[in-house]
Protein backbone atom coordinates (compact mmCIF):
# COMPACT_ATOMS: atom_id res chain seq x y z
CA MET A 1 -34.10 41.77 18.52
CA GLY A 2 -31.60 44.34 19.66
CA ILE A 3 -28.70 42.01 18.89
CA LEU A 4 -29.79 41.61 15.25
CA LYS A 5 -29.88 45.38 14.76
CA ARG A 6 -26.59 46.01 16.51
CA HIS A 7 -24.58 43.12 14.97
CA PRO A 8 -26.32 41.93 11.80
CA ALA A 9 -23.16 40.35 10.32
CA LYS A 10 -22.51 38.25 13.43
CA ALA A 11 -26.15 37.13 13.56
CA LEU A 12 -26.03 36.19 9.86
CA GLY A 13 -22.77 34.28 10.34
CA LEU A 14 -24.16 32.44 13.35
CA GLY A 15 -27.33 31.56 11.43
CA ILE A 16 -25.39 30.22 8.44
CA THR A 17 -23.13 28.21 10.77
CA VAL A 18 -26.13 26.65 12.51
CA ILE A 19 -27.73 25.77 9.15
CA PHE A 20 -24.57 24.08 7.87
CA LEU A 21 -24.08 22.18 11.13
CA LEU A 22 -27.64 20.88 10.94
CA LEU A 23 -27.22 19.90 7.30
CA GLY A 24 -23.96 18.14 8.14
CA PHE A 25 -25.50 16.12 10.96
CA LEU A 26 -28.73 15.24 9.16
CA ARG A 27 -26.99 13.85 6.03
CA MET A 28 -29.69 14.39 3.48
CA ASP A 29 -29.60 12.25 0.35
CA PHE A 30 -29.82 15.15 -2.05
CA LEU A 31 -26.72 16.71 -0.46
CA ASP A 32 -24.80 13.46 -0.95
CA THR A 33 -25.88 13.40 -4.58
CA MET A 34 -24.87 17.03 -5.06
CA GLU A 35 -21.51 16.37 -3.41
CA LEU A 36 -20.82 13.45 -5.75
CA LYS A 37 -21.89 15.47 -8.81
CA PHE A 38 -19.63 18.32 -7.72
CA TYR A 39 -16.75 15.87 -7.22
CA ASP A 40 -17.32 14.43 -10.70
CA LEU A 41 -17.28 17.93 -12.16
CA MET A 42 -14.05 18.80 -10.35
CA MET A 43 -12.37 15.61 -11.58
CA GLU A 44 -13.55 16.31 -15.13
CA LEU A 45 -12.13 19.83 -15.03
CA ARG A 46 -8.91 18.68 -13.41
CA SER A 47 -8.16 15.71 -15.66
CA ASP A 48 -5.11 15.89 -17.87
CA PRO A 49 -6.22 15.90 -21.52
CA GLN A 50 -2.75 14.66 -22.52
CA SER A 51 -2.90 11.53 -20.39
CA PRO A 52 -2.00 8.34 -22.23
CA SER A 53 -4.78 5.98 -23.18
CA ASP A 54 -2.61 3.01 -24.08
CA VAL A 55 -3.72 0.84 -21.18
CA VAL A 56 -3.80 -2.85 -22.06
CA ILE A 57 -5.78 -5.35 -20.02
CA VAL A 58 -4.79 -9.00 -20.30
CA ASP A 59 -7.81 -11.00 -19.24
CA ILE A 60 -8.20 -14.67 -18.42
CA ASP A 61 -11.39 -15.47 -20.31
CA ASP A 62 -13.26 -18.61 -21.32
CA ASP A 63 -11.26 -18.96 -24.55
CA SER A 64 -8.00 -18.88 -22.57
CA ILE A 65 -9.30 -21.52 -20.18
CA ASP A 66 -10.41 -23.69 -23.13
CA LYS A 67 -6.93 -23.46 -24.68
CA LEU A 68 -4.75 -23.66 -21.58
CA GLY A 69 -6.83 -25.72 -19.18
CA ARG A 70 -8.70 -25.26 -15.96
CA TRP A 71 -7.84 -22.47 -13.51
CA PRO A 72 -5.63 -22.18 -11.48
CA TRP A 73 -2.89 -22.55 -14.02
CA PRO A 74 0.60 -23.71 -13.09
CA ARG A 75 2.81 -20.90 -11.86
CA SER A 76 5.25 -21.65 -14.66
CA LEU A 77 2.55 -20.76 -17.20
CA LEU A 78 1.77 -17.52 -15.34
CA ALA A 79 5.50 -16.73 -15.27
CA GLN A 80 5.72 -17.25 -19.06
CA GLY A 81 2.82 -14.85 -19.54
CA LEU A 82 4.45 -12.24 -17.31
CA ASN A 83 7.70 -12.62 -19.22
CA LYS A 84 5.87 -11.96 -22.50
CA ILE A 85 4.18 -8.90 -21.01
CA SER A 86 7.50 -7.67 -19.57
CA ALA A 87 9.11 -7.98 -23.00
CA GLY A 88 6.99 -5.01 -24.08
CA ASN A 89 8.60 -2.83 -21.35
CA PRO A 90 5.38 -1.77 -19.62
CA ARG A 91 5.57 0.95 -17.00
CA VAL A 92 3.31 -0.96 -14.63
CA VAL A 93 1.99 -4.51 -14.40
CA GLY A 94 -0.86 -5.20 -12.02
CA LEU A 95 -2.10 -8.66 -11.13
CA ASN A 96 -5.61 -9.22 -9.83
CA PHE A 97 -5.67 -12.81 -8.64
CA ILE A 98 -4.81 -14.52 -5.40
CA LEU A 99 -2.18 -17.22 -5.04
CA SER A 100 -2.66 -17.82 -1.34
CA GLU A 101 -0.69 -21.05 -1.04
CA SER A 102 2.43 -22.43 -2.61
CA GLU A 103 1.92 -24.72 -5.56
CA GLU A 104 1.93 -28.39 -4.61
CA SER A 105 4.26 -30.34 -6.85
CA ALA A 106 4.66 -34.01 -5.97
CA GLY A 107 7.70 -34.34 -8.23
CA LEU A 108 9.43 -31.39 -6.56
CA LYS A 109 8.81 -32.84 -3.10
CA VAL A 110 10.20 -36.24 -4.12
CA LEU A 111 13.24 -34.57 -5.71
CA ARG A 112 13.94 -32.54 -2.55
CA ASP A 113 13.61 -35.66 -0.39
CA MET A 114 16.00 -37.56 -2.68
CA GLU A 115 18.45 -34.66 -2.63
CA ALA A 116 18.41 -34.57 1.18
CA LEU A 117 18.85 -38.35 1.41
CA PHE A 118 21.69 -38.29 -1.14
CA SER A 119 23.42 -35.46 0.74
CA LYS A 120 23.20 -37.34 4.06
CA THR A 121 24.21 -40.80 2.87
CA VAL A 122 26.17 -40.94 -0.39
CA LEU A 123 27.60 -37.49 -1.17
CA ASP A 124 30.76 -37.82 0.94
CA GLN A 125 31.64 -41.20 -0.60
CA ALA A 126 30.76 -40.25 -4.18
CA GLY A 127 33.36 -37.50 -4.41
CA GLU A 128 33.39 -35.25 -7.48
CA LYS A 129 30.81 -37.29 -9.39
CA GLY A 130 28.49 -37.08 -6.41
CA GLN A 131 28.80 -33.29 -6.41
CA ILE A 132 28.03 -33.21 -10.15
CA PHE A 133 24.95 -35.35 -9.53
CA LEU A 134 23.87 -33.11 -6.63
CA ASN A 135 24.28 -30.02 -8.83
CA ALA A 136 22.14 -31.68 -11.51
CA MET A 137 19.45 -32.43 -8.90
CA GLN A 138 19.53 -28.82 -7.69
CA SER A 139 19.24 -27.60 -11.28
CA ALA A 140 16.23 -29.88 -11.83
CA GLU A 141 14.72 -28.57 -8.58
CA GLU A 142 15.01 -24.98 -9.83
CA LYS A 143 13.32 -25.95 -13.10
CA LEU A 144 10.44 -27.63 -11.26
CA ASP A 145 9.91 -24.87 -8.67
CA ASN A 146 7.13 -22.90 -10.33
CA ASP A 147 6.69 -20.60 -7.32
CA LYS A 148 10.27 -19.44 -7.73
CA LYS A 149 9.72 -18.85 -11.46
CA LEU A 150 6.79 -16.57 -10.72
CA THR A 151 8.73 -14.46 -8.23
């Protein structure tokens, strides 16, 4: 008891420290709720009242699927949509879908195989016309490569 009378401020500080340490370790639900409410209040007070509210969300809904077909859509169609969105000069465009693998295009694979075969066998003998044909094949390949269009 002598310590409390001689150093009341230190005893009070030690007591408050012990209480807060116990509350921190016990993690009571009401403290979590109070913390979240306090955080919400701070964000409300801190928010910029002049912030723009012209956020536009482009959603793939049932009507879109009815009109454009089953998901996943071809990458060329997604690229067209992104081009239309980009025409409006948005500051940010965010995409929330996963394209985990490259798009399988049988026609593109056949065209690449034909291009490789043509380059190995006929190109040297065909001369200038062969190079024109090869350029046309490469142009067709670019048009069919929907993954490249999307990037």
